[in-house]
Protein backbone atom coordinates (compact mmCIF):
# COMPACT_ATOMS: atom_id res chain seq x y z
CA UNK A 1 -11.45 10.29 -21.19
CA UNK A 2 -9.27 12.79 -19.30
CA UNK A 3 -8.57 11.74 -15.71
CA UNK A 4 -6.46 13.57 -13.13
CA UNK A 5 -4.97 11.39 -10.36
CA UNK A 6 -4.29 13.28 -7.13
CA UNK A 7 -2.06 12.29 -4.20
CA UNK A 8 -0.67 14.31 -1.32
CA UNK A 9 1.96 11.60 -0.74
CA UNK A 10 5.11 11.78 -2.81
CA UNK A 11 7.06 8.73 -1.61
CA UNK A 12 6.65 5.16 -2.79
CA UNK A 13 4.29 3.47 -0.35
CA UNK A 14 1.89 0.66 -1.21
CA UNK A 15 -0.97 2.97 -2.17
CA UNK A 16 1.28 5.07 -4.39
CA UNK A 17 2.86 2.12 -6.21
CA UNK A 18 -0.62 0.74 -6.85
CA UNK A 19 -1.81 4.10 -8.15
CA UNK A 20 0.98 4.20 -10.74
CA UNK A 21 0.29 0.63 -11.86
CA UNK A 22 -3.43 1.42 -12.13
CA UNK A 23 -2.80 4.61 -14.14
CA UNK A 24 -0.62 2.72 -16.59
CA UNK A 25 -3.20 -0.03 -17.03
CA UNK A 26 -6.10 2.41 -17.49
CA UNK A 27 -4.06 4.30 -20.07
CA UNK A 28 -3.12 1.11 -21.90
CA UNK A 29 -6.47 -0.65 -22.00
CA UNK A 30 -9.31 1.79 -21.34
CA UNK A 31 -8.64 4.96 -23.32
CA UNK A 32 -7.83 7.03 -20.24
CA UNK A 33 -5.71 10.15 -20.83
CA UNK A 34 -4.08 10.52 -17.38
CA UNK A 35 -2.28 13.30 -15.57
CA UNK A 36 -0.70 12.48 -12.21
CA UNK A 37 -0.70 15.42 -9.77
CA UNK A 38 1.26 15.05 -6.52
CA UNK A 39 2.84 17.14 -3.80
CA UNK A 40 6.22 18.47 -4.91
CA UNK A 41 9.29 16.59 -3.72
CA UNK A 42 9.93 12.91 -3.02
CA UNK A 43 10.64 10.01 -5.34
CA UNK A 44 7.19 9.36 -6.77
CA UNK A 45 7.33 11.96 -9.55
CA UNK A 46 10.52 10.53 -11.04
CA UNK A 47 9.16 7.00 -11.00
CA UNK A 48 5.92 8.11 -12.66
CA UNK A 49 7.78 10.01 -15.39
CA UNK A 50 9.98 6.96 -15.91
CA UNK A 51 6.81 5.05 -16.73
CA UNK A 52 5.97 7.60 -19.42
CA UNK A 53 3.21 9.32 -17.43
CA UNK A 54 2.38 13.02 -17.48
CA UNK A 55 3.24 14.39 -14.02
CA UNK A 56 2.62 17.75 -12.35
CA UNK A 57 4.08 18.58 -8.93
CA UNK A 58 2.35 21.16 -6.73
CA UNK A 59 4.14 22.57 -3.64
CA UNK A 60 2.18 22.28 -0.39
CA UNK A 61 -0.51 19.91 -1.64
CA UNK A 62 -1.35 18.63 1.86
CA UNK A 63 -3.22 19.55 5.04
CA UNK A 64 -2.26 20.21 8.62
CA UNK A 65 -4.93 18.37 10.51
CA UNK A 66 -6.95 19.72 13.42
CA UNK A 67 -10.40 21.03 14.28
CA UNK A 68 -9.90 23.58 11.50
CA UNK A 69 -7.59 22.00 8.89
CA UNK A 70 -4.92 24.32 7.53
CA UNK A 71 -4.55 24.14 3.79
CA UNK A 72 -2.28 25.84 1.29
CA UNK A 73 -4.00 28.61 -0.64
CA UNK A 74 -1.16 28.50 -3.16
CA UNK A 75 -1.66 24.78 -3.74
CA UNK A 76 -5.40 25.30 -4.14
CA UNK A 77 -4.91 28.06 -6.71
CA UNK A 78 -2.37 25.99 -8.64
CA UNK A 79 -4.70 23.02 -8.69
CA UNK A 80 -7.74 25.04 -9.73
CA UNK A 81 -5.76 26.65 -12.56
CA UNK A 82 -4.48 23.24 -13.69
CA UNK A 83 -7.98 21.76 -13.66
CA UNK A 84 -9.22 24.64 -15.77
CA UNK A 85 -6.50 23.94 -18.32
CA UNK A 86 -6.83 20.15 -18.45
CA UNK A 87 -10.64 20.07 -18.17
CA UNK A 88 -10.78 16.49 -16.81
CA UNK A 89 -13.96 14.49 -16.77
CA UNK A 90 -12.85 12.57 -13.67
CA UNK A 91 -10.62 13.50 -10.75
CA UNK A 92 -9.40 10.35 -9.01
CA UNK A 93 -8.23 11.23 -5.49
CA UNK A 94 -6.01 8.84 -3.58
CA UNK A 95 -6.37 10.29 -0.07
CA UNK A 96 -8.60 12.44 2.09
CA UNK A 97 -6.32 15.46 1.91
CA UNK A 98 -6.51 15.80 -1.86
CA UNK A 99 -10.27 15.25 -1.66
CA UNK A 100 -10.42 18.60 0.15
CA UNK A 101 -8.48 20.33 -2.63
CA UNK A 102 -10.43 18.65 -5.44
CA UNK A 103 -13.78 19.53 -3.85
CA UNK A 104 -12.72 23.15 -3.35
CA UNK A 105 -11.44 23.48 -6.91
CA UNK A 106 -14.66 22.06 -8.31
CA UNK A 107 -17.01 24.13 -6.15
CA UNK A 108 -15.22 27.48 -6.14
CA UNK A 109 -13.97 27.12 -9.70
CA UNK A 110 -17.38 25.97 -10.94
CA UNK A 111 -15.79 23.06 -12.77
CA UNK A 112 -17.90 20.11 -13.97
CA UNK A 113 -15.64 17.11 -13.22
CA UNK A 114 -16.71 14.13 -11.13
CA UNK A 115 -14.71 13.02 -8.08
CA UNK A 116 -13.86 9.37 -7.39
CA UNK A 117 -12.19 8.90 -4.02
CA UNK A 118 -10.19 5.72 -3.37
CA UNK A 119 -10.18 5.31 0.40
CA UNK A 120 -7.07 3.48 1.62
CA UNK A 121 -7.56 3.90 5.36
CA UNK A 122 -9.89 4.60 8.25
CA UNK A 123 -7.68 6.65 10.60
CA UNK A 124 -10.07 9.57 10.39
CA UNK A 125 -9.71 12.91 11.96
CA UNK A 126 -13.10 14.60 12.08
CA UNK A 127 -13.04 18.31 11.23
CA UNK A 128 -15.28 20.45 13.44
CA UNK A 129 -16.03 23.43 11.22
CA UNK A 130 -18.00 23.84 8.00
CA UNK A 131 -17.28 23.32 5.13
CA UNK A 132 -14.81 20.63 6.16
CA UNK A 133 -17.46 18.70 8.13
CA UNK A 134 -19.20 17.75 4.89
CA UNK A 135 -16.11 17.10 2.78
CA UNK A 136 -16.76 13.34 2.56
CA UNK A 137 -20.02 14.06 0.77
CA UNK A 138 -18.21 15.82 -2.08
CA UNK A 139 -17.04 12.55 -3.63
CA UNK A 140 -19.37 11.23 -6.32
CA UNK A 141 -18.14 7.71 -5.59
CA UNK A 142 -16.14 6.30 -2.67
CA UNK A 143 -14.16 3.14 -3.40
CA UNK A 144 -12.71 1.43 -0.33
CA UNK A 145 -9.73 -0.87 -0.81
CA UNK A 146 -11.29 -3.50 1.47
CA UNK A 147 -14.55 -4.35 3.21
CA UNK A 148 -12.65 -3.67 6.43
CA UNK A 149 -12.10 -0.04 5.38
CA UNK A 150 -15.65 0.39 4.08
CA UNK A 151 -17.06 -0.69 7.44
CA UNK A 152 -15.03 2.10 9.09
CA UNK A 153 -16.39 4.89 6.87
CA UNK A 154 -18.42 7.64 8.57
CA UNK A 155 -22.01 6.55 9.09
CA UNK A 156 -23.46 9.09 6.68
CA UNK A 157 -21.34 7.61 3.88
CA UNK A 158 -22.12 3.99 4.73
CA UNK A 159 -25.81 4.78 4.34
CA UNK A 160 -25.36 6.42 0.93
CA UNK A 161 -26.66 3.68 -1.36
CA UNK A 162 -25.00 3.50 -4.74
CA UNK A 163 -22.22 5.86 -3.67
CA UNK A 164 -19.82 3.47 -1.96
CA UNK A 165 -18.22 0.21 -2.99
CA UNK A 166 -15.18 -2.01 -2.53
CA UNK A 167 -12.54 -2.52 -5.21
CA UNK A 168 -9.56 -4.51 -3.98
CA UNK A 169 -6.13 -3.40 -5.09
CA UNK A 170 -4.39 -5.38 -7.80
CA UNK A 171 -0.82 -5.97 -8.90
CA UNK A 172 1.10 -6.63 -12.09
CA UNK A 173 1.37 -10.42 -12.15
CA UNK A 174 4.09 -10.24 -14.81
CA UNK A 175 6.28 -8.00 -12.67
CA UNK A 176 5.67 -10.12 -9.56
CA UNK A 177 6.08 -13.70 -10.68
CA UNK A 178 7.84 -16.94 -9.68
CA UNK A 179 9.85 -16.52 -12.90
CA UNK A 180 11.58 -13.33 -11.72
CA UNK A 181 15.32 -13.71 -11.14
CA UNK A 182 16.25 -13.41 -7.43
CA UNK A 183 18.27 -10.44 -6.23
CA UNK A 184 21.85 -11.77 -6.08
CA UNK A 185 22.77 -9.43 -3.21
CA UNK A 186 20.09 -10.94 -0.97
CA UNK A 187 21.36 -14.42 -1.72
CA UNK A 188 24.94 -13.35 -1.09
CA UNK A 189 24.10 -11.73 2.26
CA UNK A 190 22.04 -14.67 3.45
CA UNK A 191 24.81 -17.31 3.32
CA UNK A 192 22.26 -20.11 3.21
CA UNK A 193 19.29 -21.01 5.37
CA UNK A 194 15.65 -19.90 5.19
CA UNK A 195 15.21 -16.27 4.17
CA UNK A 196 12.44 -14.44 6.02
CA UNK A 197 11.57 -10.93 4.87
CA UNK A 198 9.53 -7.98 6.08
CA UNK A 199 8.98 -5.23 3.53
CA UNK A 200 7.71 -1.69 3.95
CA UNK A 201 7.77 1.39 6.11
CA UNK A 202 9.11 1.48 9.65
CA UNK A 203 5.97 2.62 11.45
CA UNK A 204 5.69 1.08 14.91
CA UNK A 205 2.31 -0.44 14.02
CA UNK A 206 3.97 -2.46 11.22
CA UNK A 207 5.24 -4.87 13.88
CA UNK A 208 8.98 -5.19 13.29
CA UNK A 209 9.52 -5.85 17.00
CA UNK A 210 6.75 -8.45 16.96
CA UNK A 211 8.65 -10.33 14.27
CA UNK A 212 11.90 -10.15 16.23
CA UNK A 213 10.23 -11.43 19.39
CA UNK A 214 8.77 -14.37 17.44
CA UNK A 215 12.25 -15.22 16.15
CA UNK A 216 14.20 -14.82 19.36
CA UNK A 217 16.07 -18.13 19.15
CA UNK A 218 17.23 -20.74 16.61
CA UNK A 219 14.56 -23.07 15.19
CA UNK A 220 15.52 -26.71 15.69
CA UNK A 221 19.02 -26.12 14.41
CA UNK A 222 17.78 -24.68 11.10
CA UNK A 223 19.56 -21.46 10.09
CA UNK A 224 17.53 -18.47 8.96
CA UNK A 225 18.02 -14.80 8.18
CA UNK A 226 15.62 -11.91 8.80
CA UNK A 227 15.59 -9.19 6.13
CA UNK A 228 14.20 -5.75 6.96
CA UNK A 229 13.54 -4.22 3.53
CA UNK A 230 12.57 -0.56 3.27
CA UNK A 231 13.28 2.89 4.62
CA UNK A 232 11.60 5.90 6.19
CA UNK A 233 9.88 6.56 2.87
CA UNK A 234 7.96 9.66 3.96
CA UNK A 235 10.71 11.06 6.25
CA UNK A 236 8.60 10.98 9.41
CA UNK A 237 10.21 11.48 12.81
CA UNK A 238 8.19 8.70 14.44
CA UNK A 239 9.52 6.22 11.88
CA UNK A 240 13.10 7.38 12.53
CA UNK A 241 12.57 6.83 16.25
CA UNK A 242 11.27 3.33 15.61
CA UNK A 243 14.30 2.48 13.46
CA UNK A 244 16.62 3.63 16.27
CA UNK A 245 14.72 1.55 18.84
CA UNK A 246 14.90 -1.53 16.62
CA UNK A 247 18.61 -1.15 15.98
CA UNK A 248 19.25 -0.64 19.68
CA UNK A 249 17.29 -3.79 20.58
CA UNK A 250 19.12 -5.82 17.93
CA UNK A 251 22.50 -4.59 19.13
CA UNK A 252 21.75 -5.91 22.63
CA UNK A 253 20.70 -9.38 21.41
CA UNK A 254 23.40 -11.69 20.05
CA UNK A 255 20.93 -13.91 18.19
CA UNK A 256 19.29 -11.00 16.40
CA UNK A 257 22.70 -9.48 15.61
CA UNK A 258 23.66 -12.69 13.85
CA UNK A 259 20.56 -13.01 11.67
CA UNK A 260 19.04 -9.55 10.97
CA UNK A 261 20.01 -7.85 7.70
CA UNK A 262 18.95 -4.30 6.77
CA UNK A 263 18.71 -3.72 3.02
CA UNK A 264 17.40 -0.15 2.96
CA UNK A 265 15.09 0.98 0.15
CA UNK A 266 15.23 -1.24 -2.92
CA UNK A 267 13.70 -0.30 -6.27
CA UNK A 268 13.83 -3.86 -7.59
CA UNK A 269 11.49 -5.13 -4.91
CA UNK A 270 10.20 -7.93 -7.14
CA UNK A 271 13.72 -9.40 -7.27
CA UNK A 272 14.12 -9.06 -3.50
CA UNK A 273 10.86 -10.95 -2.92
CA UNK A 274 11.94 -13.59 -5.42
CA UNK A 275 15.05 -14.24 -3.30
CA UNK A 276 13.05 -14.76 -0.08
CA UNK A 277 11.38 -17.93 1.18
CA UNK A 278 8.83 -16.40 3.56
CA UNK A 279 7.32 -12.91 3.63
CA UNK A 280 5.84 -11.70 6.92
CA UNK A 281 3.31 -8.93 7.55
CA UNK A 282 3.15 -8.72 11.38
CA UNK A 283 1.26 -5.40 11.63
CA UNK A 284 -1.23 -4.43 14.31
CA UNK A 285 -3.61 -4.12 11.35
CA UNK A 286 -3.53 -3.62 7.58
CA UNK A 287 -6.20 -1.79 5.64
CA UNK A 288 -5.29 -3.99 2.69
CA UNK A 289 -1.70 -5.28 2.73
CA UNK A 290 -0.36 -4.88 -0.80
CA UNK A 291 2.98 -6.52 0.01
CA UNK A 292 1.10 -9.75 0.76
CA UNK A 293 -0.20 -9.74 -2.82
CA UNK A 294 3.25 -9.04 -4.23
CA UNK A 295 4.70 -11.99 -2.33
CA UNK A 296 1.79 -14.30 -3.17
CA UNK A 297 2.06 -13.46 -6.88
CA UNK A 298 5.76 -14.27 -6.61
CA UNK A 299 4.89 -17.74 -5.32
CA UNK A 300 6.07 -17.13 -1.76
CA UNK A 301 4.67 -18.34 1.55
CA UNK A 302 3.06 -15.44 3.43
CA UNK A 303 2.36 -15.04 7.14
CA UNK A 304 0.15 -12.03 7.88
CA UNK A 305 -1.84 -10.33 10.59
CA UNK A 306 -5.51 -11.33 10.52
CA UNK A 307 -6.69 -7.82 11.39
CA UNK A 308 -8.10 -5.95 8.40
CA UNK A 309 -7.72 -6.47 4.68
CA UNK A 310 -5.49 -9.59 4.72
CA UNK A 311 -8.49 -11.69 5.74
CA UNK A 312 -10.05 -10.80 2.39
CA UNK A 313 -6.96 -11.97 0.49
CA UNK A 314 -5.44 -14.95 2.33
CA UNK A 315 -7.25 -18.19 3.12
CA UNK A 316 -5.63 -19.37 6.34
CA UNK A 317 -3.93 -22.73 6.01
CA UNK A 318 -4.73 -22.90 2.29
CA UNK A 319 -2.54 -20.32 0.56
CA UNK A 320 -0.81 -18.74 3.54
CA UNK A 321 -1.05 -18.26 7.29
CA UNK A 322 -3.02 -15.63 9.20
CA UNK A 323 -2.31 -14.96 12.86
CA UNK A 324 -3.83 -12.92 15.67
CA UNK A 325 -1.32 -10.20 16.67
CA UNK A 326 -2.84 -10.08 20.16
CA UNK A 327 -1.84 -13.70 20.78
CA UNK A 328 1.48 -15.55 20.62
CA UNK A 329 0.76 -17.22 17.26
CA UNK A 330 3.43 -15.80 14.95
CA UNK A 331 6.25 -17.92 16.35
CA UNK A 332 4.25 -21.11 15.81
CA UNK A 333 3.43 -20.24 12.17
CA UNK A 334 6.99 -19.26 11.31
CA UNK A 335 8.45 -22.34 12.95
CA UNK A 336 6.20 -24.58 10.87
CA UNK A 337 7.20 -22.87 7.63
CA UNK A 338 10.93 -22.79 8.40
CA UNK A 339 10.86 -26.54 9.07
CA UNK A 340 8.48 -27.53 6.26
CA UNK A 341 9.79 -26.51 2.83
CA UNK A 342 7.06 -28.53 1.06
CA UNK A 343 4.37 -26.50 2.85
CA UNK A 344 6.05 -23.26 1.79
CA UNK A 345 6.00 -24.40 -1.82
CA UNK A 346 2.35 -25.51 -1.63
CA UNK A 347 1.30 -22.17 -0.16
CA UNK A 348 3.26 -20.33 -2.84
CA UNK A 349 1.66 -22.19 -5.74
CA UNK A 350 -1.88 -21.73 -4.42
CA UNK A 351 -1.21 -18.10 -3.55
CA UNK A 352 -0.10 -17.36 -7.11
CA UNK A 353 -3.34 -18.83 -8.49
CA UNK A 354 -5.44 -16.78 -6.04
CA UNK A 355 -3.78 -13.54 -7.13
CA UNK A 356 -4.09 -14.33 -10.84
CA UNK A 357 -7.80 -15.04 -10.42
CA UNK A 358 -8.82 -12.27 -8.05
CA UNK A 359 -6.22 -9.55 -7.52
CA UNK A 360 -4.59 -8.64 -10.84
CA UNK A 361 -4.09 -5.03 -11.88
CA UNK A 362 -6.16 -5.83 -14.98
CA UNK A 363 -9.15 -6.74 -12.80
CA UNK A 364 -8.78 -3.62 -10.68
CA UNK A 365 -8.52 -1.39 -13.77
CA UNK A 366 -11.58 -3.01 -15.32
CA UNK A 367 -13.65 -2.34 -12.20
CA UNK A 368 -12.40 1.25 -11.82
CA UNK A 369 -13.12 1.99 -15.50
CA UNK A 370 -16.67 0.69 -14.97
CA UNK A 371 -17.12 3.14 -12.06
CA UNK A 372 -15.87 6.03 -14.22
CA UNK A 373 -18.55 5.27 -16.79
CA UNK A 374 -21.23 5.02 -14.11
CA UNK A 375 -20.52 8.46 -12.61
CA UNK A 376 -20.37 10.30 -15.94
């Protein structure tokens, strides 16, 4: 079965890392002959090729949003030509922008492939002019990454029986495991104490400042370090501004200056997680929260926002902590985990079991392969 995987994002965010893991698993176990097609530039292409995947980069494969979205005619022509050459049975789109291109290539090119759209988010802009107003309808199947996202879909899609569904993301439980050797640099930088990490992009909504405010003083004489792991992956100005604001705030606070460590982007993220004691996801919301799964599979205690997808993954007080970002709960949860090592270990063991049973990449691939068969 020939499947083309489309993404307008070319950096390594959570959705993109999951897409590569899914492609590899579908190729390995389900007879899928994949081609990964992404916008030219960024780090994603090199990583995909390093995994032995066929990759095609197309310049301009994105949209400028507005009432009348601006798209690249050159990117459309390149994609239509490529589809005519590959003749895929399925086009698996990873974002709304590439759904526009896939739908146009199929309709104007009179190509017979089916479109499966994996919906990672609900931050919709609503186009005002035809044919963009009906673009959502062009997907033969819409797979939301969480019930939270599905409930945010446009009403006409939510009412389309048999067309929508939820398939949670999965991870490689061999790559993310309690058996992974810790990153020695993290251990060296920490100089002892409890290691608390936040991993991902530096969008304001990710809540870096919320974490700092929750850890604004020592905890009962117990030393700890705060690791900010990641970079401005997609080179967005707003993320750069947030990084500058964070660094400025830290520079003015002696406690934060003594305990915050910036690692930058790290490819061996599984080893970084293995070196940490607690992983925090203090976002305003998460449509899914893949980093929570990575930490849970690694046997780590997780503290996450309760808004969005994390509620479908973490059982509060059983295999991790959930907190309401609108209330002052994060400090309380972190204090308990810093003090109580036994609780951290209990959460980590139960979290690992939960991921193995419900959120493996094998399970996700099995469910996606089933959908492919249903739409053909």
